[in-house]
Amino acid sequence: MKTLAILAQKGGSGKTTLAVHMAVCAVRSKLRTALIDIDPQGSAADWNESRPEEKRLDATRATAGQLNALLKQAKSAKADLVIVDTAPHANSAAAEAAKLADLILIPCRPSRFDLKTIGTSTEIARLAKTPAVVVINAAPRGRLADEARLALEGQGVTVINPVMQQRAAYSHAVIDGHAVHEYEPDGKAAEEIDALFNAIRKQLGI
């Protein structure tokens, strides 16, 4: 079993959108998948509960203190992958998730404010001694994504491909409890999500 923690210490990074889409991709790939939402806002769990019953994922709300026990349960149930959606601005909860994960995915918008706060997230990963990669998320058209990559790599941060573009399909899909694969299966957003999942899967060795 592998555990992926999605962590960002700045709100609005698109963390939960990536978490639910990584979970959908894993299920589409026939992996036994669990989604654990330790963000007090519970957005990932709420999204899952809004889905048709036959499409709901194995998802649960939890606190950081419950995470270790839930991961043990998932392992006993022979899960292949557990995805943990963490809370922004919650260093202790993020640190617990980071410590228990096999890989940390840190979404970062290509903006000045996001780039300035990325060090907090990468430091949590460093202290946890857990490998971490950054994905540039919600990138507008133009050179900003390339400039952000250069800035991040200049700080010694590993930036994973692909760049996730700012697309309306993500908002339209999740508002109704869908993933982009269900909303627009042949669209660019679904293509990006598949590429990111395949990159993450390679990092995790599954």
N, C-alpha and C. Protein backbone atom coordinates (compact mmCIF):
# COMPACT_ATOMS: atom_id res chain seq x y z
N MET A 1 0.83 -1.19 0.00
CA MET A 1 0.00 0.00 0.00
C MET A 1 0.87 1.25 0.00
N LYS A 2 0.48 2.23 -0.80
CA LYS A 2 1.17 3.51 -0.84
C LYS A 2 0.23 4.62 -0.39
N THR A 3 0.83 5.64 0.23
CA THR A 3 0.05 6.78 0.72
C THR A 3 0.57 8.06 0.09
N LEU A 4 -0.36 8.81 -0.51
CA LEU A 4 -0.06 10.10 -1.11
C LEU A 4 -0.74 11.18 -0.28
N ALA A 5 0.05 12.10 0.26
CA ALA A 5 -0.51 13.25 0.98
C ALA A 5 -0.44 14.46 0.07
N ILE A 6 -1.56 15.16 -0.04
CA ILE A 6 -1.61 16.38 -0.85
C ILE A 6 -1.65 17.55 0.12
N LEU A 7 -0.62 18.37 0.02
CA LEU A 7 -0.35 19.34 1.08
C LEU A 7 -0.07 20.70 0.48
N ALA A 8 -0.68 21.73 1.03
CA ALA A 8 -0.38 23.10 0.64
C ALA A 8 -0.73 24.00 1.82
N GLN A 9 0.20 24.81 2.23
CA GLN A 9 -0.02 25.67 3.38
C GLN A 9 -0.67 26.99 3.00
N LYS A 10 -1.04 27.14 1.74
CA LYS A 10 -1.78 28.32 1.29
C LYS A 10 -3.12 27.87 0.73
N GLY A 11 -4.19 28.52 1.18
CA GLY A 11 -5.50 28.20 0.65
C GLY A 11 -5.62 28.58 -0.81
N GLY A 12 -6.55 27.93 -1.51
CA GLY A 12 -6.80 28.27 -2.91
C GLY A 12 -5.81 27.69 -3.89
N SER A 13 -5.03 26.71 -3.45
CA SER A 13 -4.03 26.11 -4.33
C SER A 13 -4.62 25.07 -5.29
N GLY A 14 -5.86 24.65 -5.02
CA GLY A 14 -6.47 23.59 -5.82
C GLY A 14 -6.18 22.20 -5.27
N LYS A 15 -5.78 22.15 -4.02
CA LYS A 15 -5.39 20.90 -3.36
C LYS A 15 -6.51 19.85 -3.39
N THR A 16 -7.70 20.24 -3.00
CA THR A 16 -8.80 19.27 -2.93
C THR A 16 -9.22 18.80 -4.31
N THR A 17 -9.23 19.70 -5.29
CA THR A 17 -9.56 19.30 -6.65
C THR A 17 -8.60 18.23 -7.15
N LEU A 18 -7.31 18.40 -6.87
CA LEU A 18 -6.34 17.38 -7.27
C LEU A 18 -6.54 16.10 -6.48
N ALA A 19 -6.84 16.21 -5.20
CA ALA A 19 -7.02 15.02 -4.37
C ALA A 19 -8.15 14.13 -4.91
N VAL A 20 -9.29 14.74 -5.19
CA VAL A 20 -10.43 13.92 -5.64
C VAL A 20 -10.17 13.36 -7.03
N HIS A 21 -9.48 14.12 -7.87
CA HIS A 21 -9.20 13.62 -9.21
C HIS A 21 -8.15 12.51 -9.20
N MET A 22 -7.16 12.62 -8.32
CA MET A 22 -6.21 11.51 -8.20
C MET A 22 -6.92 10.24 -7.73
N ALA A 23 -7.89 10.40 -6.83
CA ALA A 23 -8.64 9.24 -6.34
C ALA A 23 -9.48 8.62 -7.46
N VAL A 24 -10.13 9.46 -8.25
CA VAL A 24 -10.93 8.95 -9.38
C VAL A 24 -10.03 8.22 -10.38
N CYS A 25 -8.88 8.78 -10.68
CA CYS A 25 -7.95 8.13 -11.61
C CYS A 25 -7.51 6.78 -11.08
N ALA A 26 -7.23 6.71 -9.79
CA ALA A 26 -6.79 5.44 -9.21
C ALA A 26 -7.87 4.38 -9.34
N VAL A 27 -9.10 4.76 -9.08
CA VAL A 27 -10.22 3.81 -9.21
C VAL A 27 -10.38 3.39 -10.67
N ARG A 28 -10.25 4.35 -11.58
CA ARG A 28 -10.34 4.03 -13.02
C ARG A 28 -9.23 3.07 -13.44
N SER A 29 -8.11 3.12 -12.72
CA SER A 29 -6.98 2.23 -13.01
C SER A 29 -7.06 0.91 -12.26
N LYS A 30 -8.23 0.66 -11.65
CA LYS A 30 -8.49 -0.60 -10.94
C LYS A 30 -7.62 -0.77 -9.69
N LEU A 31 -7.22 0.35 -9.09
CA LEU A 31 -6.49 0.29 -7.83
C LEU A 31 -7.50 0.41 -6.68
N ARG A 32 -7.31 -0.40 -5.65
CA ARG A 32 -8.13 -0.27 -4.45
C ARG A 32 -7.71 1.01 -3.75
N THR A 33 -8.63 1.95 -3.67
CA THR A 33 -8.26 3.32 -3.31
C THR A 33 -9.13 3.83 -2.17
N ALA A 34 -8.49 4.53 -1.24
CA ALA A 34 -9.21 5.20 -0.16
C ALA A 34 -8.82 6.67 -0.16
N LEU A 35 -9.79 7.51 0.13
CA LEU A 35 -9.57 8.95 0.24
C LEU A 35 -9.89 9.37 1.67
N ILE A 36 -8.89 9.95 2.34
CA ILE A 36 -9.07 10.40 3.73
C ILE A 36 -8.98 11.92 3.75
N ASP A 37 -10.03 12.56 4.23
CA ASP A 37 -10.12 14.02 4.26
C ASP A 37 -9.89 14.49 5.70
N ILE A 38 -8.70 15.07 5.94
CA ILE A 38 -8.43 15.58 7.30
C ILE A 38 -8.49 17.12 7.34
N ASP A 39 -9.03 17.71 6.28
CA ASP A 39 -9.28 19.15 6.27
C ASP A 39 -10.60 19.38 7.00
N PRO A 40 -10.61 20.20 8.06
CA PRO A 40 -11.87 20.44 8.79
C PRO A 40 -13.01 20.94 7.90
N GLN A 41 -12.68 21.59 6.79
CA GLN A 41 -13.74 22.04 5.88
C GLN A 41 -14.45 20.86 5.22
N GLY A 42 -13.77 19.73 5.10
CA GLY A 42 -14.40 18.52 4.59
C GLY A 42 -14.84 18.59 3.14
N SER A 43 -14.16 19.39 2.33
CA SER A 43 -14.62 19.59 0.95
C SER A 43 -14.56 18.32 0.11
N ALA A 44 -13.49 17.54 0.29
CA ALA A 44 -13.37 16.30 -0.50
C ALA A 44 -14.47 15.31 -0.12
N ALA A 45 -14.72 15.19 1.19
CA ALA A 45 -15.77 14.28 1.65
C ALA A 45 -17.15 14.77 1.19
N ASP A 46 -17.38 16.07 1.25
CA ASP A 46 -18.67 16.62 0.79
C ASP A 46 -18.87 16.35 -0.70
N TRP A 47 -17.80 16.55 -1.48
CA TRP A 47 -17.88 16.26 -2.91
C TRP A 47 -18.26 14.80 -3.14
N ASN A 48 -17.63 13.91 -2.40
CA ASN A 48 -17.91 12.48 -2.57
C ASN A 48 -19.36 12.15 -2.21
N GLU A 49 -19.86 12.75 -1.15
CA GLU A 49 -21.22 12.48 -0.71
C GLU A 49 -22.25 13.02 -1.71
N SER A 50 -21.85 13.98 -2.53
CA SER A 50 -22.78 14.54 -3.51
C SER A 50 -22.84 13.70 -4.79
N ARG A 51 -21.97 12.70 -4.88
CA ARG A 51 -21.94 11.85 -6.07
C ARG A 51 -23.08 10.82 -6.02
N PRO A 52 -23.50 10.33 -7.18
CA PRO A 52 -24.46 9.23 -7.17
C PRO A 52 -23.90 8.06 -6.36
N GLU A 53 -24.74 7.37 -5.66
CA GLU A 53 -24.28 6.34 -4.74
C GLU A 53 -23.37 5.31 -5.41
N GLU A 54 -23.69 4.95 -6.64
CA GLU A 54 -22.91 3.91 -7.32
C GLU A 54 -21.53 4.42 -7.74
N LYS A 55 -21.31 5.73 -7.69
CA LYS A 55 -20.02 6.29 -8.10
C LYS A 55 -19.20 6.80 -6.92
N ARG A 56 -19.71 6.65 -5.72
CA ARG A 56 -18.98 7.17 -4.56
C ARG A 56 -17.69 6.39 -4.32
N LEU A 57 -16.68 7.13 -3.91
CA LEU A 57 -15.40 6.54 -3.57
C LEU A 57 -15.41 6.06 -2.13
N ASP A 58 -14.41 5.28 -1.77
CA ASP A 58 -14.21 4.88 -0.38
C ASP A 58 -13.53 6.06 0.31
N ALA A 59 -14.34 6.95 0.86
CA ALA A 59 -13.82 8.20 1.42
C ALA A 59 -14.34 8.41 2.83
N THR A 60 -13.52 9.04 3.67
CA THR A 60 -13.93 9.29 5.04
C THR A 60 -13.34 10.60 5.54
N ARG A 61 -14.09 11.26 6.42
CA ARG A 61 -13.56 12.42 7.14
C ARG A 61 -12.80 11.92 8.36
N ALA A 62 -11.77 12.63 8.75
CA ALA A 62 -11.00 12.21 9.92
C ALA A 62 -10.22 13.40 10.46
N THR A 63 -9.63 13.20 11.61
CA THR A 63 -8.69 14.17 12.16
C THR A 63 -7.28 13.63 11.94
N ALA A 64 -6.32 14.49 12.10
CA ALA A 64 -4.93 14.05 11.95
C ALA A 64 -4.61 12.96 12.97
N GLY A 65 -5.21 13.05 14.15
CA GLY A 65 -4.96 12.05 15.18
C GLY A 65 -5.49 10.67 14.83
N GLN A 66 -6.47 10.61 13.95
CA GLN A 66 -7.04 9.32 13.54
C GLN A 66 -6.33 8.71 12.33
N LEU A 67 -5.44 9.48 11.73
CA LEU A 67 -4.89 9.09 10.44
C LEU A 67 -4.09 7.79 10.51
N ASN A 68 -3.24 7.65 11.49
CA ASN A 68 -2.40 6.46 11.59
C ASN A 68 -3.25 5.19 11.68
N ALA A 69 -4.29 5.23 12.51
CA ALA A 69 -5.16 4.06 12.66
C ALA A 69 -5.90 3.77 11.37
N LEU A 70 -6.35 4.81 10.67
CA LEU A 70 -7.07 4.61 9.42
C LEU A 70 -6.16 4.02 8.34
N LEU A 71 -4.91 4.44 8.33
CA LEU A 71 -3.97 3.87 7.36
C LEU A 71 -3.70 2.40 7.65
N LYS A 72 -3.66 2.05 8.92
CA LYS A 72 -3.49 0.63 9.27
C LYS A 72 -4.70 -0.18 8.83
N GLN A 73 -5.89 0.39 8.99
CA GLN A 73 -7.11 -0.29 8.54
C GLN A 73 -7.09 -0.48 7.03
N ALA A 74 -6.67 0.56 6.32
CA ALA A 74 -6.62 0.48 4.85
C ALA A 74 -5.63 -0.60 4.41
N LYS A 75 -4.52 -0.67 5.10
CA LYS A 75 -3.53 -1.69 4.75
C LYS A 75 -4.08 -3.09 5.00
N SER A 76 -4.79 -3.25 6.12
CA SER A 76 -5.41 -4.55 6.43
C SER A 76 -6.47 -4.92 5.38
N ALA A 77 -7.12 -3.90 4.83
CA ALA A 77 -8.14 -4.13 3.80
C ALA A 77 -7.54 -4.28 2.41
N LYS A 78 -6.19 -4.31 2.36
CA LYS A 78 -5.46 -4.51 1.11
C LYS A 78 -5.67 -3.39 0.11
N ALA A 79 -5.73 -2.16 0.61
CA ALA A 79 -5.79 -1.00 -0.28
C ALA A 79 -4.47 -0.89 -1.03
N ASP A 80 -4.55 -0.43 -2.27
CA ASP A 80 -3.35 -0.17 -3.06
C ASP A 80 -2.84 1.25 -2.84
N LEU A 81 -3.78 2.18 -2.68
CA LEU A 81 -3.41 3.59 -2.59
C LEU A 81 -4.36 4.31 -1.64
N VAL A 82 -3.78 5.12 -0.76
CA VAL A 82 -4.56 6.00 0.10
C VAL A 82 -4.14 7.43 -0.21
N ILE A 83 -5.12 8.29 -0.45
CA ILE A 83 -4.86 9.70 -0.73
C ILE A 83 -5.39 10.51 0.45
N VAL A 84 -4.53 11.37 0.98
CA VAL A 84 -4.89 12.18 2.15
C VAL A 84 -4.96 13.64 1.74
N ASP A 85 -6.14 14.23 1.90
CA ASP A 85 -6.32 15.66 1.65
C ASP A 85 -6.16 16.39 2.97
N THR A 86 -5.19 17.29 3.04
CA THR A 86 -4.87 17.97 4.29
C THR A 86 -5.46 19.38 4.32
N ALA A 87 -5.36 20.00 5.49
CA ALA A 87 -5.87 21.36 5.65
C ALA A 87 -4.77 22.39 5.43
N PRO A 88 -5.10 23.52 4.79
CA PRO A 88 -4.12 24.61 4.74
C PRO A 88 -4.01 25.27 6.12
N HIS A 89 -2.88 25.88 6.37
CA HIS A 89 -2.66 26.61 7.62
C HIS A 89 -2.81 25.72 8.84
N ALA A 90 -2.43 24.45 8.74
CA ALA A 90 -2.51 23.53 9.88
C ALA A 90 -1.23 22.72 9.93
N ASN A 91 -0.18 23.33 10.46
CA ASN A 91 1.14 22.72 10.39
C ASN A 91 1.21 21.36 11.07
N SER A 92 0.54 21.22 12.23
CA SER A 92 0.65 19.96 12.97
C SER A 92 -0.05 18.83 12.22
N ALA A 93 -1.22 19.11 11.65
CA ALA A 93 -1.93 18.09 10.89
C ALA A 93 -1.18 17.74 9.61
N ALA A 94 -0.66 18.77 8.94
CA ALA A 94 0.11 18.52 7.72
C ALA A 94 1.36 17.72 8.03
N ALA A 95 2.00 18.03 9.15
CA ALA A 95 3.22 17.31 9.54
C ALA A 95 2.92 15.84 9.81
N GLU A 96 1.78 15.55 10.43
CA GLU A 96 1.42 14.16 10.70
C GLU A 96 1.16 13.42 9.39
N ALA A 97 0.44 14.04 8.47
CA ALA A 97 0.19 13.41 7.17
C ALA A 97 1.49 13.20 6.41
N ALA A 98 2.37 14.19 6.46
CA ALA A 98 3.65 14.10 5.76
C ALA A 98 4.48 12.94 6.30
N LYS A 99 4.48 12.79 7.59
CA LYS A 99 5.28 11.74 8.23
C LYS A 99 4.80 10.35 7.84
N LEU A 100 3.49 10.20 7.64
CA LEU A 100 2.91 8.89 7.35
C LEU A 100 2.83 8.57 5.86
N ALA A 101 3.15 9.55 5.02
CA ALA A 101 3.00 9.37 3.57
C ALA A 101 4.26 8.76 2.95
N ASP A 102 4.06 8.18 1.78
CA ASP A 102 5.19 7.73 0.96
C ASP A 102 5.63 8.82 -0.01
N LEU A 103 4.71 9.72 -0.34
CA LEU A 103 5.01 10.83 -1.25
C LEU A 103 4.08 11.99 -0.91
N ILE A 104 4.63 13.20 -1.03
CA ILE A 104 3.84 14.41 -0.81
C ILE A 104 3.73 15.16 -2.13
N LEU A 105 2.51 15.51 -2.50
CA LEU A 105 2.26 16.33 -3.68
C LEU A 105 1.86 17.72 -3.21
N ILE A 106 2.60 18.73 -3.67
CA ILE A 106 2.35 20.11 -3.25
C ILE A 106 1.90 20.92 -4.46
N PRO A 107 0.62 21.26 -4.55
CA PRO A 107 0.17 22.11 -5.65
C PRO A 107 0.55 23.57 -5.39
N CYS A 108 0.95 24.26 -6.45
CA CYS A 108 1.37 25.65 -6.31
C CYS A 108 0.91 26.44 -7.54
N ARG A 109 0.13 27.46 -7.32
CA ARG A 109 -0.24 28.34 -8.43
C ARG A 109 0.97 29.20 -8.81
N PRO A 110 1.10 29.54 -10.08
CA PRO A 110 2.25 30.34 -10.49
C PRO A 110 2.04 31.83 -10.21
N SER A 111 1.95 32.16 -8.93
CA SER A 111 1.76 33.55 -8.52
C SER A 111 2.78 33.89 -7.44
N ARG A 112 3.04 35.15 -7.29
CA ARG A 112 4.03 35.61 -6.31
C ARG A 112 3.71 35.10 -4.91
N PHE A 113 2.45 35.21 -4.50
CA PHE A 113 2.09 34.86 -3.13
C PHE A 113 2.22 33.36 -2.88
N ASP A 114 1.84 32.56 -3.86
CA ASP A 114 1.98 31.10 -3.72
C ASP A 114 3.44 30.69 -3.68
N LEU A 115 4.24 31.29 -4.56
CA LEU A 115 5.65 30.93 -4.60
C LEU A 115 6.36 31.31 -3.30
N LYS A 116 5.93 32.39 -2.69
CA LYS A 116 6.57 32.83 -1.43
C LYS A 116 6.25 31.89 -0.26
N THR A 117 5.11 31.20 -0.34
CA THR A 117 4.72 30.32 0.78
C THR A 117 5.12 28.87 0.57
N ILE A 118 5.67 28.54 -0.60
CA ILE A 118 5.96 27.13 -0.89
C ILE A 118 7.01 26.56 0.05
N GLY A 119 7.88 27.43 0.56
CA GLY A 119 8.93 26.96 1.46
C GLY A 119 8.39 26.33 2.73
N THR A 120 7.24 26.80 3.20
CA THR A 120 6.64 26.22 4.40
C THR A 120 6.25 24.77 4.15
N SER A 121 5.66 24.52 2.99
CA SER A 121 5.25 23.15 2.66
C SER A 121 6.44 22.23 2.44
N THR A 122 7.44 22.73 1.72
CA THR A 122 8.61 21.88 1.46
C THR A 122 9.38 21.62 2.74
N GLU A 123 9.35 22.55 3.68
CA GLU A 123 10.03 22.34 4.96
C GLU A 123 9.33 21.26 5.77
N ILE A 124 8.00 21.22 5.73
CA ILE A 124 7.26 20.15 6.40
C ILE A 124 7.67 18.80 5.84
N ALA A 125 7.79 18.72 4.52
CA ALA A 125 8.22 17.47 3.88
C ALA A 125 9.64 17.11 4.29
N ARG A 126 10.52 18.10 4.34
CA ARG A 126 11.92 17.84 4.70
C ARG A 126 12.02 17.29 6.12
N LEU A 127 11.30 17.92 7.03
CA LEU A 127 11.34 17.47 8.43
C LEU A 127 10.75 16.08 8.58
N ALA A 128 9.76 15.74 7.74
CA ALA A 128 9.15 14.42 7.79
C ALA A 128 10.01 13.36 7.10
N LYS A 129 11.03 13.83 6.35
CA LYS A 129 11.91 12.94 5.58
C LYS A 129 11.12 12.11 4.56
N THR A 130 10.13 12.79 3.96
CA THR A 130 9.28 12.16 2.95
C THR A 130 9.51 12.84 1.61
N PRO A 131 9.70 12.09 0.54
CA PRO A 131 9.88 12.71 -0.77
C PRO A 131 8.68 13.60 -1.12
N ALA A 132 8.98 14.73 -1.76
CA ALA A 132 7.92 15.67 -2.13
C ALA A 132 8.16 16.20 -3.53
N VAL A 133 7.07 16.42 -4.25
CA VAL A 133 7.13 17.05 -5.57
C VAL A 133 6.09 18.15 -5.62
N VAL A 134 6.40 19.19 -6.38
CA VAL A 134 5.47 20.30 -6.58
C VAL A 134 4.86 20.17 -7.97
N VAL A 135 3.56 20.43 -8.07
CA VAL A 135 2.91 20.52 -9.37
C VAL A 135 2.40 21.95 -9.53
N ILE A 136 2.72 22.55 -10.66
CA ILE A 136 2.21 23.89 -10.95
C ILE A 136 0.76 23.75 -11.37
N ASN A 137 -0.11 24.44 -10.65
CA ASN A 137 -1.55 24.22 -10.79
C ASN A 137 -2.26 25.51 -11.18
N ALA A 138 -3.36 25.35 -11.91
CA ALA A 138 -4.21 26.49 -12.30
C ALA A 138 -3.40 27.57 -13.00
N ALA A 139 -2.55 27.15 -13.92
CA ALA A 139 -1.69 28.09 -14.63
C ALA A 139 -2.45 28.77 -15.76
N PRO A 140 -2.37 30.09 -15.85
CA PRO A 140 -2.98 30.77 -16.99
C PRO A 140 -2.11 30.61 -18.23
N ARG A 141 -2.64 30.97 -19.37
CA ARG A 141 -1.84 30.94 -20.59
C ARG A 141 -0.70 31.95 -20.48
N GLY A 142 0.38 31.63 -21.15
CA GLY A 142 1.51 32.56 -21.12
C GLY A 142 2.73 31.92 -20.47
N ARG A 143 3.65 32.76 -20.05
CA ARG A 143 4.96 32.30 -19.58
C ARG A 143 5.02 32.08 -18.08
N LEU A 144 3.95 32.39 -17.35
CA LEU A 144 4.03 32.33 -15.89
C LEU A 144 4.43 30.95 -15.38
N ALA A 145 3.91 29.90 -15.98
CA ALA A 145 4.23 28.55 -15.50
C ALA A 145 5.72 28.25 -15.66
N ASP A 146 6.29 28.65 -16.80
CA ASP A 146 7.72 28.42 -17.02
C ASP A 146 8.56 29.23 -16.05
N GLU A 147 8.14 30.46 -15.78
CA GLU A 147 8.87 31.30 -14.83
C GLU A 147 8.77 30.73 -13.42
N ALA A 148 7.59 30.21 -13.08
CA ALA A 148 7.41 29.60 -11.75
C ALA A 148 8.28 28.36 -11.60
N ARG A 149 8.34 27.55 -12.64
CA ARG A 149 9.19 26.35 -12.60
C ARG A 149 10.65 26.72 -12.35
N LEU A 150 11.13 27.72 -13.07
CA LEU A 150 12.52 28.15 -12.90
C LEU A 150 12.77 28.65 -11.48
N ALA A 151 11.81 29.41 -10.95
CA ALA A 151 11.95 29.93 -9.59
C ALA A 151 11.98 28.80 -8.56
N LEU A 152 11.10 27.84 -8.73
CA LEU A 152 11.02 26.72 -7.79
C LEU A 152 12.28 25.84 -7.88
N GLU A 153 12.67 25.52 -9.10
CA GLU A 153 13.86 24.69 -9.26
C GLU A 153 15.11 25.40 -8.76
N GLY A 154 15.08 26.72 -8.83
CA GLY A 154 16.19 27.51 -8.27
C GLY A 154 16.28 27.40 -6.76
N GLN A 155 15.16 27.03 -6.12
CA GLN A 155 15.14 26.81 -4.67
C GLN A 155 15.44 25.35 -4.32
N GLY A 156 15.75 24.55 -5.35
CA GLY A 156 16.03 23.14 -5.09
C GLY A 156 14.78 22.28 -4.99
N VAL A 157 13.65 22.80 -5.48
CA VAL A 157 12.38 22.08 -5.40
C VAL A 157 12.21 21.21 -6.65
N THR A 158 11.73 19.99 -6.46
CA THR A 158 11.43 19.11 -7.60
C THR A 158 10.04 19.44 -8.13
N VAL A 159 9.96 19.83 -9.39
CA VAL A 159 8.68 20.19 -10.02
C VAL A 159 8.32 19.07 -11.00
N ILE A 160 7.15 18.51 -10.80
CA ILE A 160 6.70 17.38 -11.62
C ILE A 160 5.92 17.89 -12.83
N ASN A 161 5.96 17.14 -13.90
CA ASN A 161 5.09 17.42 -15.05
C ASN A 161 3.82 16.62 -14.90
N PRO A 162 2.71 17.02 -15.51
CA PRO A 162 2.56 18.18 -16.38
C PRO A 162 2.23 19.44 -15.60
N VAL A 163 2.20 20.57 -16.29
CA VAL A 163 1.61 21.79 -15.73
C VAL A 163 0.09 21.66 -15.86
N MET A 164 -0.60 21.95 -14.78
CA MET A 164 -2.06 21.90 -14.79
C MET A 164 -2.58 23.30 -15.13
N GLN A 165 -3.32 23.39 -16.22
CA GLN A 165 -3.79 24.69 -16.69
C GLN A 165 -5.07 25.12 -15.96
N GLN A 166 -5.31 26.41 -16.02
CA GLN A 166 -6.55 26.94 -15.45
C GLN A 166 -7.67 26.66 -16.44
N ARG A 167 -8.57 25.77 -16.10
CA ARG A 167 -9.63 25.35 -17.02
C ARG A 167 -10.99 25.36 -16.31
N ALA A 168 -11.98 25.85 -17.01
CA ALA A 168 -13.33 25.91 -16.44
C ALA A 168 -13.88 24.52 -16.15
N ALA A 169 -13.41 23.51 -16.89
CA ALA A 169 -13.94 22.15 -16.71
C ALA A 169 -13.79 21.66 -15.28
N TYR A 170 -12.72 22.04 -14.61
CA TYR A 170 -12.53 21.59 -13.23
C TYR A 170 -13.64 22.11 -12.33
N SER A 171 -13.95 23.39 -12.44
CA SER A 171 -15.01 23.98 -11.61
C SER A 171 -16.37 23.42 -11.97
N HIS A 172 -16.65 23.32 -13.25
CA HIS A 172 -17.96 22.81 -13.68
C HIS A 172 -18.16 21.36 -13.22
N ALA A 173 -17.10 20.58 -13.26
CA ALA A 173 -17.24 19.17 -12.89
C ALA A 173 -17.49 18.99 -11.40
N VAL A 174 -16.63 19.57 -10.58
CA VAL A 174 -16.71 19.28 -9.14
C VAL A 174 -17.94 19.89 -8.49
N ILE A 175 -18.49 20.96 -9.06
CA ILE A 175 -19.65 21.59 -8.43
C ILE A 175 -20.84 20.65 -8.37
N ASP A 176 -20.90 19.70 -9.30
CA ASP A 176 -22.00 18.72 -9.33
C ASP A 176 -21.57 17.34 -8.86
N GLY A 177 -20.42 17.26 -8.19
CA GLY A 177 -19.97 15.97 -7.67
C GLY A 177 -19.36 15.06 -8.71
N HIS A 178 -18.88 15.65 -9.80
CA HIS A 178 -18.27 14.86 -10.85
C HIS A 178 -16.76 15.08 -10.88
N ALA A 179 -16.08 14.25 -11.63
CA ALA A 179 -14.69 14.49 -12.01
C ALA A 179 -14.68 14.90 -13.48
N VAL A 180 -13.58 15.46 -13.93
CA VAL A 180 -13.55 15.92 -15.32
C VAL A 180 -13.69 14.75 -16.30
N HIS A 181 -13.32 13.54 -15.88
CA HIS A 181 -13.48 12.37 -16.75
C HIS A 181 -14.96 12.07 -17.01
N GLU A 182 -15.79 12.47 -16.08
CA GLU A 182 -17.23 12.25 -16.23
C GLU A 182 -17.90 13.45 -16.91
N TYR A 183 -17.37 14.63 -16.66
CA TYR A 183 -17.95 15.86 -17.21
C TYR A 183 -17.56 16.05 -18.68
N GLU A 184 -16.28 15.83 -18.99
CA GLU A 184 -15.77 16.05 -20.33
C GLU A 184 -14.65 15.03 -20.59
N PRO A 185 -15.01 13.77 -20.82
CA PRO A 185 -14.02 12.69 -20.84
C PRO A 185 -12.92 12.85 -21.89
N ASP A 186 -13.21 13.53 -22.98
CA ASP A 186 -12.20 13.71 -24.04
C ASP A 186 -11.56 15.08 -24.00
N GLY A 187 -11.76 15.81 -22.91
CA GLY A 187 -11.27 17.18 -22.83
C GLY A 187 -9.82 17.27 -22.36
N LYS A 188 -9.28 18.47 -22.45
CA LYS A 188 -7.90 18.72 -22.05
C LYS A 188 -7.69 18.52 -20.55
N ALA A 189 -8.70 18.84 -19.74
CA ALA A 189 -8.56 18.69 -18.29
C ALA A 189 -8.38 17.22 -17.92
N ALA A 190 -9.19 16.34 -18.53
CA ALA A 190 -9.07 14.91 -18.26
C ALA A 190 -7.70 14.39 -18.70
N GLU A 191 -7.21 14.91 -19.82
CA GLU A 191 -5.90 14.52 -20.32
C GLU A 191 -4.80 14.92 -19.34
N GLU A 192 -4.90 16.14 -18.80
CA GLU A 192 -3.92 16.62 -17.81
C GLU A 192 -3.94 15.78 -16.55
N ILE A 193 -5.14 15.49 -16.07
CA ILE A 193 -5.27 14.70 -14.84
C ILE A 193 -4.67 13.32 -15.02
N ASP A 194 -4.93 12.69 -16.16
CA ASP A 194 -4.34 11.38 -16.43
C ASP A 194 -2.82 11.45 -16.44
N ALA A 195 -2.27 12.50 -17.04
CA ALA A 195 -0.82 12.65 -17.11
C ALA A 195 -0.23 12.84 -15.71
N LEU A 196 -0.90 13.63 -14.88
CA LEU A 196 -0.41 13.84 -13.52
C LEU A 196 -0.48 12.54 -12.72
N PHE A 197 -1.59 11.83 -12.86
CA PHE A 197 -1.72 10.58 -12.12
C PHE A 197 -0.65 9.58 -12.53
N ASN A 198 -0.38 9.50 -13.82
CA ASN A 198 0.65 8.57 -14.27
C ASN A 198 2.03 8.95 -13.74
N ALA A 199 2.29 10.26 -13.65
CA ALA A 199 3.56 10.72 -13.08
C ALA A 199 3.66 10.37 -11.59
N ILE A 200 2.56 10.57 -10.87
CA ILE A 200 2.53 10.24 -9.44
C ILE A 200 2.67 8.74 -9.24
N ARG A 201 1.98 7.98 -10.07
CA ARG A 201 2.05 6.51 -9.97
C ARG A 201 3.48 6.03 -10.17
N LYS A 202 4.18 6.66 -11.10
CA LYS A 202 5.57 6.29 -11.35
C LYS A 202 6.43 6.63 -10.14
N GLN A 203 6.18 7.79 -9.54
CA GLN A 203 6.93 8.19 -8.34
C GLN A 203 6.72 7.20 -7.20
N LEU A 204 5.50 6.71 -7.08
CA LEU A 204 5.17 5.79 -5.99
C LEU A 204 5.53 4.35 -6.29
N GLY A 205 5.76 4.05 -7.56
CA GLY A 205 6.09 2.68 -7.93
C GLY A 205 4.91 1.74 -7.89
N ILE A 206 3.73 2.23 -8.31
CA ILE A 206 2.54 1.37 -8.34
C ILE A 206 1.94 1.36 -9.74
